[in-house]
Structures are given as C-alpha cells and as structure tokens.
Amino acid sequence: MFYARDSPLQLLAYSDSTWASDPTDQRSVTGYCILLGSSPLAWKSKKQAAVSWSSTEAEL
C-alpha cells in the first residue's frame, strides 16, 4: 500500500448487490470494497447461496 504524507486520510466503503443476476440459477450477487485514500484495503464479491423469489424478499 502506498500513502502520501500530504494526502488527506479518507476511509471510503462501497457496496452493491444484484437480484437474480445469473439467469442459469437466479442467485443474487453482493460485494463491497473498502479504500483508504486511493488504496484498496479489502474487497469481496459473493454469489448468495439462497434464492429469493422476489425483490422484496431479497431486501429483507
């Protein structure tokens, strides 16, 4: 990781999800990315094990 001394220390986190994005098995995908400045600290993307039959059910 590279961090410039004169850069502001800023921690950012992003997340996103899709509902039934895979047409073969209708499973949703979720993911996140955490950054310190412009350097990624952690990230993950995962296909969910459970199938939601509606977008309302997926949100709960």
C-alpha atoms as a PDB file:
ATOM      1  CA  MET A   1       0.000   0.000   0.000  1.00  0.00           C
ATOM      2  CA  PHE A   2       1.244   3.487  -0.815  1.00  0.00           C
ATOM      3  CA  TYR A   3       0.066   6.509   1.134  1.00  0.00           C
ATOM      4  CA  ALA A   4       1.395  10.022   0.527  1.00  0.00           C
ATOM      5  CA  ARG A   5       2.039  12.031   3.680  1.00  0.00           C
ATOM      6  CA  ASP A   6       0.387  15.182   2.325  1.00  0.00           C
ATOM      7  CA  SER A   7      -2.808  13.374   1.231  1.00  0.00           C
ATOM      8  CA  PRO A   8      -5.899  13.567   3.443  1.00  0.00           C
ATOM      9  CA  LEU A   9      -6.666  10.372   5.334  1.00  0.00           C
ATOM     10  CA  GLN A  10     -10.052   9.295   3.968  1.00  0.00           C
ATOM     11  CA  LEU A  11     -11.722   5.944   4.551  1.00  0.00           C
ATOM     12  CA  LEU A  12     -14.351   5.009   1.955  1.00  0.00           C
ATOM     13  CA  ALA A  13     -16.615   1.982   1.674  1.00  0.00           C
ATOM     14  CA  TYR A  14     -18.754   0.953  -1.294  1.00  0.00           C
ATOM     15  CA  SER A  15     -21.222  -1.898  -1.587  1.00  0.00           C
ATOM     16  CA  ASP A  16     -23.597  -3.162  -4.235  1.00  0.00           C
ATOM     17  CA  SER A  17     -25.867  -6.093  -4.928  1.00  0.00           C
ATOM     18  CA  THR A  18     -27.843  -7.561  -7.794  1.00  0.00           C
ATOM     19  CA  TRP A  19     -31.028  -9.561  -7.539  1.00  0.00           C
ATOM     20  CA  ALA A  20     -31.222 -12.800  -9.553  1.00  0.00           C
ATOM     21  CA  SER A  21     -28.438 -11.636 -11.874  1.00  0.00           C
ATOM     22  CA  ASP A  22     -27.390 -15.119 -13.015  1.00  0.00           C
ATOM     23  CA  PRO A  23     -30.006 -16.393 -15.498  1.00  0.00           C
ATOM     24  CA  THR A  24     -28.978 -20.032 -15.014  1.00  0.00           C
ATOM     25  CA  ASP A  25     -29.622 -20.282 -11.269  1.00  0.00           C
ATOM     26  CA  GLN A  26     -31.363 -16.967 -10.346  1.00  0.00           C
ATOM     27  CA  ARG A  27     -28.942 -16.308  -7.472  1.00  0.00           C
ATOM     28  CA  SER A  28     -28.066 -12.801  -6.308  1.00  0.00           C
ATOM     29  CA  VAL A  29     -24.557 -11.358  -6.054  1.00  0.00           C
ATOM     30  CA  THR A  30     -23.319  -8.948  -3.372  1.00  0.00           C
ATOM     31  CA  GLY A  31     -19.997  -7.204  -2.994  1.00  0.00           C
ATOM     32  CA  TYR A  32     -18.033  -4.486  -1.242  1.00  0.00           C
ATOM     33  CA  CYS A  33     -14.778  -2.535  -1.488  1.00  0.00           C
ATOM     34  CA  ILE A  34     -13.075  -0.559   1.317  1.00  0.00           C
ATOM     35  CA  LEU A  35     -10.474   2.077   0.433  1.00  0.00           C
ATOM     36  CA  LEU A  36      -8.010   4.148   2.458  1.00  0.00           C
ATOM     37  CA  GLY A  37      -7.258   7.132   0.261  1.00  0.00           C
ATOM     38  CA  SER A  38      -6.827   5.576  -3.181  1.00  0.00           C
ATOM     39  CA  SER A  39      -5.560   2.215  -1.859  1.00  0.00           C
ATOM     40  CA  PRO A  40      -7.937  -0.751  -1.561  1.00  0.00           C
ATOM     41  CA  LEU A  41      -7.850  -2.379   1.887  1.00  0.00           C
ATOM     42  CA  ALA A  42     -10.472  -5.091   1.447  1.00  0.00           C
ATOM     43  CA  TRP A  43     -12.908  -6.301  -1.198  1.00  0.00           C
ATOM     44  CA  LYS A  44     -15.214  -9.218  -1.733  1.00  0.00           C
ATOM     45  CA  SER A  45     -17.826 -10.426  -4.186  1.00  0.00           C
ATOM     46  CA  LYS A  46     -20.059 -13.388  -3.420  1.00  0.00           C
ATOM     47  CA  LYS A  47     -22.880 -15.269  -5.087  1.00  0.00           C
ATOM     48  CA  GLN A  48     -25.578 -15.881  -2.490  1.00  0.00           C
ATOM     49  CA  ALA A  49     -26.476 -19.441  -1.518  1.00  0.00           C
ATOM     50  CA  ALA A  50     -30.218 -18.773  -1.144  1.00  0.00           C
ATOM     51  CA  VAL A  51     -32.586 -17.900  -3.986  1.00  0.00           C
ATOM     52  CA  SER A  52     -35.042 -15.012  -3.462  1.00  0.00           C
ATOM     53  CA  TRP A  53     -38.262 -15.274  -5.423  1.00  0.00           C
ATOM     54  CA  SER A  54     -38.964 -11.522  -5.370  1.00  0.00           C
ATOM     55  CA  SER A  55     -37.031  -8.281  -4.951  1.00  0.00           C
ATOM     56  CA  THR A  56     -38.995  -7.617  -1.731  1.00  0.00           C
ATOM     57  CA  GLU A  57     -37.839 -10.922  -0.258  1.00  0.00           C
ATOM     58  CA  ALA A  58     -34.251 -10.160  -1.324  1.00  0.00           C
ATOM     59  CA  GLU A  59     -34.302  -6.854   0.603  1.00  0.00           C
ATOM     60  CA  LEU A  60     -35.366  -8.431   3.908  1.00  0.00           C
END
